[in-house]
Amino acid sequence: MSRTDGRPTRKSRVTQATLVRKARALLAYKPADVSPQRRVQRRYTMRLWSVRHARFLEWFYARFADLFLTLHPLWNAIGYRRAEKPVKFVERNVKGLMFDCRMCGQCILSSTGMSCPMNCPKQLRNGPCGGVRANGNCEVEPDMPCVWVKAWEGSQKMRNHDAILAVQKPVDQSLRETSAWLRVTAQATAQREKARETA
């Protein structure tokens, strides 16, 4: 709307500064979704529980992997691509509750004492940074125990406790938001069939 003298009213004036202020919230840097303000406290508590019970979860995970491998004919009949969406939904919710999973698609919980390294603010895959505090807490988030300190504690409770020493590959970003369960099953099946052929 304009006044009768032709000058715009205060409501209709849009300056560059106004547009920048509106866009600032959208353009502002947002860290990975691991800050204490956004982390659900229940999930954080469950994550620590999972580390404390790493031996049991290691045993359970081995049985679960065997079950998924046994179900390969079903996944094959449905089609791994079609099975991806429902399996990913279940995986995201189960692992999200238990480990605060970030769905990187390259799960290494069995090597890291059931402590997900993707919860590290720096997302380090091969051990802690040089900034772990004297009390074992994170350099970036002082209220949070270092993910890798917890990983070491959890790995020492597991049968395969030396797996934490294995060097992990960098995260393949193309596998984000995919089901690690199905990918591992498909790889294990391919290896099993290859072994049969060579035998």
N, C-alpha and C. Protein backbone atom coordinates (compact mmCIF):
# COMPACT_ATOMS: atom_id res chain seq x y z
N MET A 1 0.84 -1.19 0.00
CA MET A 1 0.00 0.00 0.00
C MET A 1 0.88 1.24 0.00
N SER A 2 0.40 2.28 -0.63
CA SER A 2 1.14 3.54 -0.67
C SER A 2 0.28 4.64 -0.08
N ARG A 3 0.97 5.65 0.39
CA ARG A 3 0.25 6.82 0.87
C ARG A 3 -0.29 7.60 -0.33
N THR A 4 -1.11 8.61 -0.03
CA THR A 4 -1.66 9.43 -1.12
C THR A 4 -0.57 10.27 -1.78
N ASP A 5 0.55 10.56 -1.02
CA ASP A 5 1.62 11.35 -1.62
C ASP A 5 2.57 10.50 -2.45
N GLY A 6 2.32 9.18 -2.56
CA GLY A 6 3.13 8.33 -3.42
C GLY A 6 4.28 7.62 -2.72
N ARG A 7 4.60 8.00 -1.46
CA ARG A 7 5.69 7.34 -0.74
C ARG A 7 5.19 6.03 -0.13
N PRO A 8 6.04 4.93 -0.13
CA PRO A 8 5.59 3.66 0.45
C PRO A 8 5.45 3.75 1.95
N THR A 9 4.51 2.99 2.51
CA THR A 9 4.34 2.96 3.96
C THR A 9 5.45 2.12 4.58
N ARG A 10 5.58 2.21 5.90
CA ARG A 10 6.62 1.49 6.62
C ARG A 10 6.48 -0.03 6.43
N LYS A 11 5.24 -0.54 6.36
CA LYS A 11 4.99 -1.98 6.23
C LYS A 11 5.48 -2.52 4.88
N SER A 12 5.39 -1.73 3.84
CA SER A 12 5.75 -2.22 2.51
C SER A 12 7.24 -2.11 2.19
N ARG A 13 8.02 -1.40 3.04
CA ARG A 13 9.45 -1.24 2.80
C ARG A 13 10.20 -2.53 3.11
N VAL A 14 10.94 -3.08 2.11
CA VAL A 14 11.77 -4.26 2.31
C VAL A 14 13.19 -3.89 1.90
N THR A 15 14.06 -3.82 2.88
CA THR A 15 15.45 -3.47 2.58
C THR A 15 16.30 -4.73 2.47
N GLN A 16 17.51 -4.54 1.94
CA GLN A 16 18.46 -5.66 1.84
C GLN A 16 18.80 -6.20 3.22
N ALA A 17 18.93 -5.32 4.19
CA ALA A 17 19.26 -5.72 5.56
C ALA A 17 18.17 -6.63 6.13
N THR A 18 16.91 -6.32 5.83
CA THR A 18 15.79 -7.15 6.30
C THR A 18 15.87 -8.54 5.70
N LEU A 19 16.15 -8.60 4.40
CA LEU A 19 16.27 -9.90 3.73
C LEU A 19 17.41 -10.72 4.29
N VAL A 20 18.54 -10.07 4.56
CA VAL A 20 19.70 -10.76 5.12
C VAL A 20 19.38 -11.32 6.50
N ARG A 21 18.69 -10.51 7.32
CA ARG A 21 18.33 -10.97 8.68
C ARG A 21 17.42 -12.19 8.63
N LYS A 22 16.48 -12.20 7.67
CA LYS A 22 15.57 -13.34 7.53
C LYS A 22 16.31 -14.59 7.07
N ALA A 23 17.25 -14.39 6.16
CA ALA A 23 18.00 -15.52 5.61
C ALA A 23 19.07 -16.04 6.57
N ARG A 24 19.48 -15.22 7.53
CA ARG A 24 20.57 -15.59 8.43
C ARG A 24 20.29 -16.89 9.18
N ALA A 25 19.06 -17.04 9.66
CA ALA A 25 18.69 -18.25 10.42
C ALA A 25 18.79 -19.49 9.54
N LEU A 26 18.45 -19.35 8.26
CA LEU A 26 18.51 -20.50 7.36
C LEU A 26 19.94 -20.81 6.93
N LEU A 27 20.76 -19.76 6.79
CA LEU A 27 22.11 -19.94 6.29
C LEU A 27 23.14 -20.20 7.39
N ALA A 28 22.75 -19.97 8.65
CA ALA A 28 23.71 -20.11 9.75
C ALA A 28 24.23 -21.53 9.85
N TYR A 29 25.49 -21.66 10.25
CA TYR A 29 26.11 -22.98 10.41
C TYR A 29 25.40 -23.75 11.51
N LYS A 30 25.06 -25.00 11.22
CA LYS A 30 24.46 -25.88 12.22
C LYS A 30 25.33 -27.12 12.32
N PRO A 31 25.86 -27.44 13.50
CA PRO A 31 26.70 -28.63 13.62
C PRO A 31 25.89 -29.90 13.45
N ALA A 32 26.59 -31.03 13.32
CA ALA A 32 25.91 -32.32 13.23
C ALA A 32 24.98 -32.47 14.42
N ASP A 33 23.91 -33.20 14.24
CA ASP A 33 22.85 -33.28 15.25
C ASP A 33 23.30 -34.11 16.45
N VAL A 34 24.33 -33.63 17.14
CA VAL A 34 24.85 -34.35 18.30
C VAL A 34 24.98 -33.46 19.53
N SER A 35 24.53 -32.20 19.44
CA SER A 35 24.69 -31.31 20.57
C SER A 35 23.76 -31.70 21.71
N PRO A 36 24.15 -31.42 22.95
CA PRO A 36 23.33 -31.81 24.10
C PRO A 36 21.96 -31.16 24.08
N GLN A 37 21.86 -29.96 23.46
CA GLN A 37 20.57 -29.27 23.43
C GLN A 37 19.55 -30.04 22.60
N ARG A 38 20.03 -30.75 21.56
CA ARG A 38 19.11 -31.47 20.68
C ARG A 38 19.08 -32.96 20.94
N ARG A 39 20.04 -33.44 21.71
CA ARG A 39 20.07 -34.88 21.97
C ARG A 39 18.96 -35.25 22.95
N VAL A 40 18.24 -36.29 22.65
CA VAL A 40 17.21 -36.76 23.56
C VAL A 40 17.91 -37.47 24.72
N GLN A 41 17.63 -37.04 25.95
CA GLN A 41 18.34 -37.58 27.11
C GLN A 41 18.16 -39.08 27.24
N ARG A 42 16.98 -39.58 26.89
CA ARG A 42 16.73 -41.02 26.99
C ARG A 42 17.68 -41.80 26.08
N ARG A 43 17.92 -41.27 24.88
CA ARG A 43 18.81 -41.94 23.94
C ARG A 43 20.24 -41.95 24.48
N TYR A 44 20.65 -40.84 25.09
CA TYR A 44 22.00 -40.76 25.64
C TYR A 44 22.17 -41.78 26.76
N THR A 45 21.15 -41.92 27.59
CA THR A 45 21.19 -42.90 28.67
C THR A 45 21.27 -44.31 28.10
N MET A 46 20.50 -44.58 27.07
CA MET A 46 20.51 -45.90 26.44
C MET A 46 21.87 -46.18 25.80
N ARG A 47 22.49 -45.14 25.24
CA ARG A 47 23.80 -45.32 24.62
C ARG A 47 24.82 -45.80 25.66
N LEU A 48 24.81 -45.21 26.83
CA LEU A 48 25.72 -45.63 27.90
C LEU A 48 25.37 -47.04 28.39
N TRP A 49 24.08 -47.36 28.43
CA TRP A 49 23.65 -48.71 28.81
C TRP A 49 24.20 -49.73 27.81
N SER A 50 24.14 -49.40 26.54
CA SER A 50 24.62 -50.30 25.49
C SER A 50 26.11 -50.59 25.64
N VAL A 51 26.89 -49.58 26.03
CA VAL A 51 28.33 -49.77 26.25
C VAL A 51 28.56 -50.68 27.45
N ARG A 52 27.79 -50.46 28.50
CA ARG A 52 27.95 -51.30 29.71
C ARG A 52 27.59 -52.75 29.45
N HIS A 53 26.69 -53.01 28.50
CA HIS A 53 26.24 -54.37 28.20
C HIS A 53 26.75 -54.84 26.83
N ALA A 54 27.95 -54.39 26.49
CA ALA A 54 28.51 -54.68 25.18
C ALA A 54 28.68 -56.18 24.93
N ARG A 55 29.02 -56.94 25.97
CA ARG A 55 29.22 -58.40 25.80
C ARG A 55 27.93 -59.09 25.38
N PHE A 56 26.84 -58.75 26.06
CA PHE A 56 25.55 -59.34 25.71
C PHE A 56 25.13 -58.91 24.31
N LEU A 57 25.29 -57.62 23.99
CA LEU A 57 24.89 -57.12 22.68
C LEU A 57 25.74 -57.72 21.57
N GLU A 58 27.01 -58.01 21.86
CA GLU A 58 27.86 -58.69 20.88
C GLU A 58 27.30 -60.07 20.57
N TRP A 59 26.92 -60.81 21.61
CA TRP A 59 26.33 -62.14 21.44
C TRP A 59 25.02 -62.05 20.65
N PHE A 60 24.17 -61.09 21.04
CA PHE A 60 22.88 -60.92 20.38
C PHE A 60 23.06 -60.53 18.92
N TYR A 61 23.99 -59.61 18.66
CA TYR A 61 24.22 -59.14 17.29
C TYR A 61 24.67 -60.28 16.38
N ALA A 62 25.52 -61.19 16.90
CA ALA A 62 25.97 -62.34 16.11
C ALA A 62 24.79 -63.22 15.73
N ARG A 63 23.87 -63.46 16.67
CA ARG A 63 22.68 -64.28 16.38
C ARG A 63 21.76 -63.56 15.38
N PHE A 64 21.64 -62.26 15.56
CA PHE A 64 20.79 -61.48 14.69
C PHE A 64 21.34 -61.47 13.26
N ALA A 65 22.65 -61.34 13.12
CA ALA A 65 23.28 -61.36 11.79
C ALA A 65 23.07 -62.71 11.12
N ASP A 66 23.15 -63.80 11.91
CA ASP A 66 22.89 -65.14 11.37
C ASP A 66 21.45 -65.26 10.88
N LEU A 67 20.52 -64.71 11.66
CA LEU A 67 19.10 -64.74 11.28
C LEU A 67 18.88 -63.98 9.97
N PHE A 68 19.48 -62.80 9.86
CA PHE A 68 19.34 -62.00 8.64
C PHE A 68 19.92 -62.74 7.44
N LEU A 69 21.03 -63.44 7.67
CA LEU A 69 21.65 -64.21 6.59
C LEU A 69 20.77 -65.38 6.18
N THR A 70 20.12 -66.01 7.16
CA THR A 70 19.18 -67.11 6.88
C THR A 70 18.00 -66.60 6.05
N LEU A 71 17.61 -65.35 6.27
CA LEU A 71 16.48 -64.77 5.55
C LEU A 71 16.87 -64.23 4.16
N HIS A 72 18.09 -64.51 3.73
CA HIS A 72 18.53 -64.03 2.41
C HIS A 72 17.57 -64.42 1.28
N PRO A 73 17.07 -65.67 1.24
CA PRO A 73 16.11 -66.01 0.17
C PRO A 73 14.89 -65.09 0.16
N LEU A 74 14.44 -64.68 1.36
CA LEU A 74 13.29 -63.77 1.45
C LEU A 74 13.66 -62.40 0.88
N TRP A 75 14.83 -61.86 1.32
CA TRP A 75 15.27 -60.55 0.82
C TRP A 75 15.47 -60.61 -0.70
N ASN A 76 15.97 -61.73 -1.16
CA ASN A 76 16.23 -61.90 -2.59
C ASN A 76 14.91 -61.95 -3.37
N ALA A 77 13.92 -62.65 -2.80
CA ALA A 77 12.61 -62.77 -3.46
C ALA A 77 11.91 -61.40 -3.51
N ILE A 78 11.97 -60.68 -2.39
CA ILE A 78 11.35 -59.35 -2.34
C ILE A 78 12.14 -58.38 -3.21
N GLY A 79 13.45 -58.56 -3.18
CA GLY A 79 14.36 -57.61 -3.85
C GLY A 79 14.98 -56.72 -2.81
N TYR A 80 16.31 -56.70 -2.77
CA TYR A 80 17.00 -55.91 -1.74
C TYR A 80 16.62 -54.43 -1.81
N ARG A 81 16.40 -53.93 -3.00
CA ARG A 81 16.03 -52.51 -3.13
C ARG A 81 14.65 -52.24 -2.54
N ARG A 82 13.72 -53.16 -2.78
CA ARG A 82 12.36 -52.96 -2.23
C ARG A 82 12.34 -53.17 -0.72
N ALA A 83 13.20 -54.06 -0.23
CA ALA A 83 13.26 -54.32 1.21
C ALA A 83 13.94 -53.18 1.96
N GLU A 84 14.70 -52.37 1.24
CA GLU A 84 15.50 -51.30 1.87
C GLU A 84 14.66 -50.37 2.74
N LYS A 85 13.55 -49.87 2.22
CA LYS A 85 12.76 -48.86 2.94
C LYS A 85 12.21 -49.37 4.26
N PRO A 86 11.48 -50.52 4.29
CA PRO A 86 10.96 -50.97 5.59
C PRO A 86 12.05 -51.40 6.57
N VAL A 87 13.11 -52.06 6.04
CA VAL A 87 14.20 -52.49 6.93
C VAL A 87 14.93 -51.27 7.49
N LYS A 88 15.15 -50.27 6.66
CA LYS A 88 15.81 -49.05 7.11
C LYS A 88 14.99 -48.35 8.20
N PHE A 89 13.67 -48.36 8.06
CA PHE A 89 12.79 -47.74 9.07
C PHE A 89 12.98 -48.43 10.42
N VAL A 90 12.97 -49.77 10.42
CA VAL A 90 13.16 -50.53 11.66
C VAL A 90 14.56 -50.30 12.22
N GLU A 91 15.56 -50.38 11.34
CA GLU A 91 16.95 -50.21 11.77
C GLU A 91 17.17 -48.83 12.39
N ARG A 92 16.64 -47.79 11.73
CA ARG A 92 16.81 -46.44 12.25
C ARG A 92 16.23 -46.29 13.66
N ASN A 93 15.05 -46.87 13.88
CA ASN A 93 14.40 -46.72 15.18
C ASN A 93 15.05 -47.57 16.27
N VAL A 94 15.41 -48.80 15.93
CA VAL A 94 16.04 -49.68 16.93
C VAL A 94 17.43 -49.16 17.29
N LYS A 95 18.25 -48.92 16.28
CA LYS A 95 19.62 -48.46 16.53
C LYS A 95 19.63 -47.02 17.03
N GLY A 96 18.63 -46.24 16.63
CA GLY A 96 18.53 -44.88 17.14
C GLY A 96 18.27 -44.87 18.64
N LEU A 97 17.41 -45.76 19.10
CA LEU A 97 17.13 -45.86 20.53
C LEU A 97 18.33 -46.40 21.30
N MET A 98 18.92 -47.48 20.78
CA MET A 98 19.98 -48.16 21.52
C MET A 98 21.33 -47.43 21.48
N PHE A 99 21.68 -46.88 20.30
CA PHE A 99 23.04 -46.35 20.11
C PHE A 99 23.07 -44.90 19.65
N ASP A 100 21.90 -44.25 19.56
CA ASP A 100 21.82 -42.90 19.00
C ASP A 100 22.42 -42.90 17.59
N CYS A 101 21.98 -43.87 16.80
CA CYS A 101 22.53 -44.13 15.46
C CYS A 101 22.34 -42.95 14.52
N ARG A 102 23.35 -42.71 13.68
CA ARG A 102 23.32 -41.63 12.69
C ARG A 102 23.09 -42.14 11.28
N MET A 103 22.83 -43.44 11.12
CA MET A 103 22.54 -44.06 9.82
C MET A 103 23.62 -43.73 8.78
N CYS A 104 24.86 -44.03 9.15
CA CYS A 104 25.97 -43.81 8.20
C CYS A 104 26.00 -44.91 7.15
N GLY A 105 25.33 -46.04 7.42
CA GLY A 105 25.30 -47.15 6.47
C GLY A 105 26.51 -48.05 6.54
N GLN A 106 27.45 -47.74 7.44
CA GLN A 106 28.68 -48.53 7.59
C GLN A 106 28.93 -48.82 9.06
N CYS A 107 27.99 -49.52 9.66
CA CYS A 107 27.99 -49.74 11.11
C CYS A 107 29.22 -50.54 11.55
N ILE A 108 29.91 -50.04 12.58
CA ILE A 108 31.08 -50.75 13.12
C ILE A 108 30.94 -50.92 14.64
N LEU A 109 29.70 -50.99 15.11
CA LEU A 109 29.46 -51.13 16.55
C LEU A 109 30.15 -52.35 17.14
N SER A 110 30.22 -53.44 16.37
CA SER A 110 30.84 -54.66 16.89
C SER A 110 32.35 -54.49 17.07
N SER A 111 32.92 -53.45 16.45
CA SER A 111 34.36 -53.18 16.60
C SER A 111 34.64 -52.07 17.61
N THR A 112 33.62 -51.34 17.99
CA THR A 112 33.84 -50.17 18.85
C THR A 112 33.08 -50.26 20.17
N GLY A 113 32.97 -51.46 20.70
CA GLY A 113 32.37 -51.61 22.02
C GLY A 113 30.95 -51.13 22.13
N MET A 114 30.20 -51.20 21.04
CA MET A 114 28.80 -50.76 20.97
C MET A 114 28.65 -49.26 21.22
N SER A 115 29.72 -48.51 20.97
CA SER A 115 29.67 -47.05 21.05
C SER A 115 29.84 -46.51 19.64
N CYS A 116 28.82 -45.84 19.13
CA CYS A 116 28.83 -45.39 17.73
C CYS A 116 29.78 -44.21 17.55
N PRO A 117 30.83 -44.36 16.72
CA PRO A 117 31.78 -43.26 16.54
C PRO A 117 31.18 -42.05 15.83
N MET A 118 30.04 -42.24 15.16
CA MET A 118 29.42 -41.12 14.47
C MET A 118 28.80 -40.12 15.46
N ASN A 119 28.73 -40.48 16.75
CA ASN A 119 28.27 -39.55 17.78
C ASN A 119 29.37 -38.59 18.21
N CYS A 120 30.60 -38.87 17.78
CA CYS A 120 31.70 -37.93 18.04
C CYS A 120 31.42 -36.67 17.24
N PRO A 121 31.49 -35.48 17.85
CA PRO A 121 31.24 -34.24 17.10
C PRO A 121 32.15 -34.10 15.89
N LYS A 122 33.35 -34.70 15.95
CA LYS A 122 34.28 -34.65 14.82
C LYS A 122 34.12 -35.88 13.92
N GLN A 123 33.25 -36.80 14.33
CA GLN A 123 32.95 -38.02 13.57
C GLN A 123 34.22 -38.80 13.23
N LEU A 124 35.09 -38.94 14.23
CA LEU A 124 36.34 -39.68 14.05
C LEU A 124 36.05 -41.18 14.07
N ARG A 125 36.64 -41.92 13.15
CA ARG A 125 36.38 -43.36 13.01
C ARG A 125 37.52 -44.23 13.54
N ASN A 126 38.64 -43.63 13.91
CA ASN A 126 39.80 -44.42 14.32
C ASN A 126 40.45 -43.90 15.60
N GLY A 127 39.65 -43.75 16.62
CA GLY A 127 40.19 -43.35 17.90
C GLY A 127 39.93 -41.88 18.22
N PRO A 128 40.20 -41.51 19.47
CA PRO A 128 39.89 -40.15 19.92
C PRO A 128 40.86 -39.12 19.37
N CYS A 129 40.43 -37.88 19.40
CA CYS A 129 41.30 -36.77 19.02
C CYS A 129 42.25 -36.49 20.19
N GLY A 130 43.09 -35.49 20.04
CA GLY A 130 44.03 -35.16 21.10
C GLY A 130 43.43 -34.26 22.17
N GLY A 131 42.12 -34.03 22.09
CA GLY A 131 41.51 -33.08 23.02
C GLY A 131 40.64 -33.70 24.09
N VAL A 132 40.79 -35.01 24.33
CA VAL A 132 39.99 -35.64 25.39
C VAL A 132 40.40 -35.03 26.73
N ARG A 133 39.41 -34.63 27.50
CA ARG A 133 39.70 -33.98 28.79
C ARG A 133 40.19 -34.98 29.82
N ALA A 134 40.78 -34.48 30.87
CA ALA A 134 41.35 -35.34 31.92
C ALA A 134 40.30 -36.24 32.56
N ASN A 135 39.05 -35.78 32.58
CA ASN A 135 37.97 -36.59 33.17
C ASN A 135 37.35 -37.56 32.15
N GLY A 136 37.91 -37.62 30.93
CA GLY A 136 37.41 -38.53 29.92
C GLY A 136 36.27 -37.98 29.09
N ASN A 137 35.97 -36.68 29.26
CA ASN A 137 34.88 -36.07 28.51
C ASN A 137 35.39 -35.45 27.21
N CYS A 138 34.42 -35.11 26.36
CA CYS A 138 34.70 -34.60 25.02
C CYS A 138 35.25 -33.17 25.07
N GLU A 139 36.17 -32.89 24.15
CA GLU A 139 36.73 -31.55 24.03
C GLU A 139 35.67 -30.56 23.55
N VAL A 140 34.83 -30.98 22.61
CA VAL A 140 33.83 -30.10 22.01
C VAL A 140 32.62 -29.95 22.91
N GLU A 141 32.17 -31.06 23.49
CA GLU A 141 31.00 -31.05 24.38
C GLU A 141 31.44 -31.51 25.76
N PRO A 142 31.82 -30.57 26.62
CA PRO A 142 32.40 -30.92 27.94
C PRO A 142 31.51 -31.79 28.82
N ASP A 143 30.18 -31.77 28.58
CA ASP A 143 29.26 -32.56 29.41
C ASP A 143 29.18 -34.01 28.95
N MET A 144 29.73 -34.33 27.77
CA MET A 144 29.56 -35.66 27.19
C MET A 144 30.83 -36.49 27.32
N PRO A 145 30.72 -37.73 27.85
CA PRO A 145 31.90 -38.61 27.87
C PRO A 145 32.37 -38.86 26.44
N CYS A 146 33.68 -38.86 26.24
CA CYS A 146 34.22 -39.09 24.90
C CYS A 146 33.72 -40.42 24.36
N VAL A 147 33.22 -40.40 23.13
CA VAL A 147 32.68 -41.59 22.48
C VAL A 147 33.73 -42.69 22.43
N TRP A 148 34.99 -42.29 22.19
CA TRP A 148 36.06 -43.30 22.06
C TRP A 148 36.55 -43.83 23.40
N VAL A 149 36.43 -43.03 24.45
CA VAL A 149 36.73 -43.55 25.80
C VAL A 149 35.71 -44.65 26.13
N LYS A 150 34.45 -44.37 25.81
CA LYS A 150 33.39 -45.36 26.03
C LYS A 150 33.57 -46.58 25.12
N ALA A 151 34.02 -46.34 23.90
CA ALA A 151 34.26 -47.44 22.96
C ALA A 151 35.32 -48.39 23.51
N TRP A 152 36.37 -47.85 24.09
CA TRP A 152 37.42 -48.69 24.66
C TRP A 152 36.88 -49.49 25.84
N GLU A 153 36.10 -48.82 26.71
CA GLU A 153 35.51 -49.52 27.86
C GLU A 153 34.61 -50.66 27.38
N GLY A 154 33.76 -50.38 26.40
CA GLY A 154 32.85 -51.41 25.89
C GLY A 154 33.60 -52.54 25.21
N SER A 155 34.64 -52.22 24.44
CA SER A 155 35.37 -53.26 23.70
C SER A 155 36.09 -54.23 24.64
N GLN A 156 36.51 -53.75 25.80
CA GLN A 156 37.20 -54.63 26.74
C GLN A 156 36.27 -55.65 27.39
N LYS A 157 34.97 -55.43 27.26
CA LYS A 157 33.98 -56.38 27.79
C LYS A 157 33.60 -57.43 26.76
N MET A 158 33.99 -57.22 25.51
CA MET A 158 33.57 -58.10 24.43
C MET A 158 34.58 -59.22 24.20
N ARG A 159 34.11 -60.34 23.64
CA ARG A 159 35.01 -61.45 23.31
C ARG A 159 36.04 -61.02 22.28
N ASN A 160 35.55 -60.34 21.25
CA ASN A 160 36.43 -59.88 20.18
C ASN A 160 36.93 -58.47 20.50
N HIS A 161 37.61 -58.32 21.65
CA HIS A 161 37.98 -56.98 22.11
C HIS A 161 39.11 -56.35 21.31
N ASP A 162 39.84 -57.15 20.52
CA ASP A 162 40.92 -56.59 19.70
C ASP A 162 40.41 -55.93 18.42
N ALA A 163 39.13 -56.10 18.11
CA ALA A 163 38.57 -55.53 16.88
C ALA A 163 38.66 -54.00 16.86
N ILE A 164 38.73 -53.40 18.04
CA ILE A 164 38.81 -51.94 18.11
C ILE A 164 40.13 -51.42 17.54
N LEU A 165 41.14 -52.29 17.46
CA LEU A 165 42.45 -51.89 16.94
C LEU A 165 42.50 -51.87 15.41
N ALA A 166 41.49 -52.44 14.76
CA ALA A 166 41.45 -52.46 13.30
C ALA A 166 41.23 -51.04 12.77
N VAL A 167 41.99 -50.69 11.74
CA VAL A 167 41.86 -49.36 11.13
C VAL A 167 40.62 -49.35 10.23
N GLN A 168 39.75 -48.38 10.46
CA GLN A 168 38.50 -48.28 9.70
C GLN A 168 38.68 -47.36 8.50
N LYS A 169 37.98 -47.68 7.43
CA LYS A 169 38.01 -46.83 6.23
C LYS A 169 37.24 -45.54 6.51
N PRO A 170 37.55 -44.48 5.76
CA PRO A 170 36.74 -43.24 5.88
C PRO A 170 35.28 -43.53 5.52
N VAL A 171 34.39 -42.72 6.04
CA VAL A 171 32.97 -42.91 5.78
C VAL A 171 32.68 -42.66 4.30
N ASP A 172 31.99 -43.61 3.70
CA ASP A 172 31.54 -43.46 2.32
C ASP A 172 30.18 -42.74 2.37
N GLN A 173 30.18 -41.47 2.01
CA GLN A 173 28.96 -40.66 2.14
C GLN A 173 27.81 -41.16 1.26
N SER A 174 28.15 -41.91 0.21
CA SER A 174 27.09 -42.42 -0.68
C SER A 174 26.24 -43.49 0.01
N LEU A 175 26.75 -44.05 1.12
CA LEU A 175 26.00 -45.08 1.84
C LEU A 175 25.14 -44.52 2.97
N ARG A 176 25.20 -43.22 3.19
CA ARG A 176 24.38 -42.61 4.25
C ARG A 176 22.90 -42.88 3.99
N GLU A 177 22.17 -43.07 5.08
CA GLU A 177 20.72 -43.31 5.02
C GLU A 177 20.38 -44.60 4.27
N THR A 178 21.28 -45.57 4.34
CA THR A 178 20.99 -46.90 3.80
C THR A 178 21.09 -47.91 4.94
N SER A 179 20.54 -49.10 4.73
CA SER A 179 20.52 -50.12 5.76
C SER A 179 21.84 -50.89 5.80
N ALA A 180 22.53 -50.78 6.90
CA ALA A 180 23.77 -51.55 7.08
C ALA A 180 23.45 -53.03 7.23
N TRP A 181 22.30 -53.35 7.82
CA TRP A 181 21.91 -54.76 7.99
C TRP A 181 21.81 -55.46 6.64
N LEU A 182 21.12 -54.85 5.70
CA LEU A 182 20.95 -55.47 4.38
C LEU A 182 22.27 -55.52 3.61
N ARG A 183 23.07 -54.46 3.73
CA ARG A 183 24.33 -54.42 3.00
C ARG A 183 25.27 -55.52 3.49
N VAL A 184 25.37 -55.68 4.81
CA VAL A 184 26.24 -56.72 5.38
C VAL A 184 25.73 -58.11 4.98
N THR A 185 24.41 -58.29 4.99
CA THR A 185 23.83 -59.58 4.59
C THR A 185 24.15 -59.89 3.13
N ALA A 186 24.00 -58.91 2.26
CA ALA A 186 24.28 -59.11 0.84
C ALA A 186 25.76 -59.45 0.62
N GLN A 187 26.64 -58.76 1.36
CA GLN A 187 28.08 -59.03 1.23
C GLN A 187 28.44 -60.42 1.74
N ALA A 188 27.86 -60.81 2.89
CA ALA A 188 28.13 -62.13 3.46
C ALA A 188 27.63 -63.23 2.53
N THR A 189 26.48 -63.01 1.91
CA THR A 189 25.93 -63.99 0.97
C THR A 189 26.83 -64.14 -0.25
N ALA A 190 27.32 -63.01 -0.77
CA ALA A 190 28.21 -63.03 -1.93
C ALA A 190 29.51 -63.77 -1.61
N GLN A 191 30.04 -63.54 -0.40
CA GLN A 191 31.27 -64.24 0.01
C GLN A 191 31.03 -65.73 0.16
N ARG A 192 29.87 -66.10 0.73
CA ARG A 192 29.54 -67.51 0.92
C ARG A 192 29.40 -68.22 -0.43
N GLU A 193 28.74 -67.57 -1.39
CA GLU A 193 28.57 -68.17 -2.70
C GLU A 193 29.90 -68.28 -3.45
N LYS A 194 30.77 -67.29 -3.25
CA LYS A 194 32.09 -67.32 -3.89
C LYS A 194 32.92 -68.46 -3.32
N ALA A 195 32.83 -68.67 -2.00
CA ALA A 195 33.56 -69.77 -1.36
C ALA A 195 33.06 -71.13 -1.86
N ARG A 196 31.75 -71.25 -2.09
CA ARG A 196 31.19 -72.50 -2.62
C ARG A 196 31.72 -72.78 -4.03
N GLU A 197 31.80 -71.72 -4.83
CA GLU A 197 32.26 -71.89 -6.21
C GLU A 197 33.72 -72.34 -6.27
N THR A 198 34.55 -71.74 -5.41
CA THR A 198 35.96 -72.11 -5.39
C THR A 198 36.16 -73.52 -4.83
N ALA A 199 35.28 -73.91 -3.90
CA ALA A 199 35.36 -75.28 -3.33
C ALA A 199 34.85 -76.28 -4.36
